[in-house]
Structures are given as C-alpha cells and as structure tokens.
Protein backbone atom coordinates (compact mmCIF):
# COMPACT_ATOMS: atom_id res chain seq x y z
CA MET A 1 -0.23 -0.01 0.03
CA ASN A 2 1.21 3.60 -1.12
CA VAL A 3 1.92 6.29 1.96
CA ASN A 4 -0.95 8.70 1.81
CA ASN A 5 0.73 11.57 0.65
CA PRO A 6 0.41 13.38 -2.43
CA THR A 7 4.32 14.01 -2.60
CA TYR A 8 5.07 10.21 -3.41
CA TYR A 9 2.09 9.10 -5.24
CA PRO A 10 3.05 5.99 -6.68
CA GLU A 11 5.47 6.14 -10.18
CA LEU A 12 4.18 4.19 -13.27
CA SER A 13 6.33 3.44 -16.07
CA PHE A 14 7.22 0.82 -19.65
CA SER A 15 10.46 -0.40 -20.07
CA ASP A 16 12.02 -3.64 -21.55
CA ILE A 17 13.95 -4.62 -18.43
CA ASN A 18 14.68 -8.27 -18.96
CA ARG A 19 15.66 -7.57 -23.32
CA ASP A 20 12.52 -9.37 -24.67
CA GLU A 21 11.55 -6.61 -26.70
CA ASN A 22 8.18 -5.86 -24.96
CA GLU A 23 7.77 -3.66 -22.54
CA GLU A 24 6.92 -4.20 -18.94
CA ILE A 25 4.68 -2.31 -16.90
CA ILE A 26 6.80 -0.78 -13.53
CA VAL A 27 4.88 0.36 -10.76
CA ILE A 28 6.55 1.95 -7.89
CA LEU A 29 5.09 2.53 -4.32
CA THR A 30 6.28 4.63 -1.54
CA THR A 31 5.16 2.23 1.68
CA GLY A 32 7.19 4.81 3.96
CA SER A 33 9.14 8.13 4.65
CA GLY A 34 10.99 10.44 6.96
CA SER A 35 13.33 11.80 8.61
CA GLY A 36 15.60 11.11 5.06
CA VAL A 37 14.55 8.22 4.55
CA LEU A 38 12.38 6.66 1.93
CA ILE A 39 11.34 3.29 1.74
CA GLN A 40 9.68 2.16 -2.14
CA GLU A 41 8.64 -1.58 -3.51
CA VAL A 42 9.32 -1.71 -7.17
CA HIS A 43 6.29 -4.07 -8.68
CA VAL A 44 7.23 -5.54 -12.37
CA PHE A 45 4.31 -6.86 -14.78
CA HIS A 46 5.40 -9.10 -17.80
CA ARG A 47 3.16 -9.59 -20.39
CA ASP A 48 3.81 -13.71 -21.44
CA GLY A 49 3.03 -15.62 -25.28
CA GLY A 50 -0.50 -15.97 -24.47
CA GLY A 51 -1.11 -12.42 -23.55
CA GLN A 52 -1.76 -12.87 -19.75
CA ILE A 53 0.17 -10.91 -17.28
CA LYS A 54 2.34 -12.08 -14.79
CA GLU A 55 4.10 -10.25 -11.62
CA ILE A 56 7.74 -10.85 -12.14
CA ARG A 57 9.54 -10.76 -8.84
CA VAL A 58 11.97 -8.07 -8.07
CA GLU A 59 15.17 -9.31 -6.43
CA ASP A 60 16.09 -6.81 -3.19
CA PRO A 61 18.74 -4.16 -4.16
CA VAL A 62 20.99 -4.76 -1.68
CA THR A 63 21.40 -8.49 -2.30
CA ILE A 64 22.25 -7.59 -5.91
CA ALA A 65 24.64 -4.84 -4.83
CA LYS A 66 26.54 -7.37 -2.61
CA LYS A 67 26.44 -9.64 -5.85
CA ASN A 68 27.68 -7.18 -8.35
CA VAL A 69 29.52 -4.95 -6.34
CA ALA A 70 33.00 -5.34 -4.97
CA THR A 71 35.38 -2.90 -2.88
CA GLU A 72 38.75 -2.16 -1.98
CA LEU A 73 39.46 0.45 0.33
CA THR A 74 43.15 2.05 1.58
CA LYS A 75 43.97 5.23 3.61
CA SER A 76 44.19 6.94 0.37
CA GLU A 77 42.79 5.25 -2.51
CA ALA A 78 39.24 3.53 -3.15
CA VAL A 79 38.43 0.89 -5.77
CA ILE A 80 34.87 0.37 -6.56
CA THR A 81 34.32 -2.38 -9.16
CA VAL A 82 30.59 -2.96 -10.65
CA GLU A 83 30.42 -5.89 -12.62
CA GLU A 84 33.77 -5.58 -15.14
CA VAL A 85 33.96 -1.82 -14.73
CA VAL A 86 36.42 0.14 -12.32
CA GLN A 87 35.73 2.77 -11.06
CA LYS A 88 38.93 4.25 -8.96
CA VAL A 89 38.88 7.39 -6.02
CA THR A 90 42.33 8.50 -4.93
CA ASN A 91 41.83 11.35 -3.20
CA TYR A 92 40.01 9.83 -0.98
CA LYS A 93 40.87 10.10 3.22
CA LEU A 94 39.84 7.36 4.95
CA ARG A 95 40.32 6.55 8.77
CA ILE A 96 39.95 3.69 10.00
CA SER A 97 38.32 5.22 12.81
CA SER A 98 35.58 6.21 10.62
CA LEU A 99 34.44 2.71 9.85
CA VAL A 100 33.16 2.61 13.18
CA CYS A 101 29.66 3.91 14.28
CA SER A 102 30.03 6.35 16.83
CA SER A 103 26.35 6.81 18.04
CA GLY A 104 22.77 4.73 17.57
CA PRO A 105 22.17 1.22 18.15
CA HIS A 106 25.83 -0.05 16.69
CA VAL A 107 28.07 1.92 18.62
CA GLY A 108 31.33 0.19 18.11
CA LYS A 109 30.08 -2.17 15.38
CA ALA A 110 32.12 -1.26 11.30
CA TYR A 111 29.85 0.12 8.81
CA ILE A 112 29.94 0.49 5.18
CA PRO A 113 30.50 3.91 3.94
CA VAL A 114 29.49 5.99 1.07
CA LEU A 115 32.42 6.88 -0.75
CA ARG A 116 32.92 10.42 -1.05
CA THR A 117 36.04 12.85 -2.13
CA ALA A 118 35.37 14.20 1.56
CA PRO A 119 35.32 11.96 5.02
CA PRO A 120 32.25 9.46 5.10
CA ARG A 121 29.04 10.58 6.98
CA PRO A 122 28.52 7.84 9.32
CA ALA A 123 25.37 5.84 8.29
CA CYS A 124 24.87 3.35 10.55
CA PHE A 125 22.73 0.28 10.16
C-alpha cells in the first residue's frame, strides 16, 4: 500500500527490463518516509506469450549490490568494481576510525561508508 502523501504518489513506467523486446509495466510504491529515509517497493508486470500479465519478482537491491559490487579500500584510495567496470577514487582520505559507528544502536560496529571525496558521514545500520 502506498503512503497517503501527494509527494509520493505511485510511479508508473514502461521499459523492456528483461530484454525480450516487450515492455514491462513497472509500478513503484512508497511505503514509508521520514527523517531522510524513503522506503519504496517495486513491482514489475510482464505479458507472457499467451497475453496474460504476470508479476515478476524483483530482487532486493542490497542483494544485487552484494553480488555485483566489489570494493577495495586503503587509507588513500578506493577502488569500486561493478561487474567489469572499475572506478578509482584517489583523493579519498580514509581514517580507520571513520569506519566505526560512534552513535546509535550499533556503537562500536563497523559500517560501509558511502564513498565521497570528503571524509564519510556515519550511516550506521
């Protein structure tokens, strides 16, 4: 169910995401928001050879990232590989202490920073 907020009305689009030369129907529902957080569900519908429309399960984006993204971090360089594409960030200053949560429910536990050219802001989860 979508939230009752006009800012986050459901989104509808069409795209051939499985490369079968037929467009799928993509529906994005916002199920929660607040304090800088936006939670959405994606539903994809595909018309099969018989003309019936069936929903295709959409894999969790975090699971997809874990399968397809590799990172190597040093104190001065970050290397991010997505499939076979490699991106290097060389003016990234990483302090090992920056990788430990200093507040919230995960104090003292490591987290994965969002790579920027400035020191990372904690995003403990």
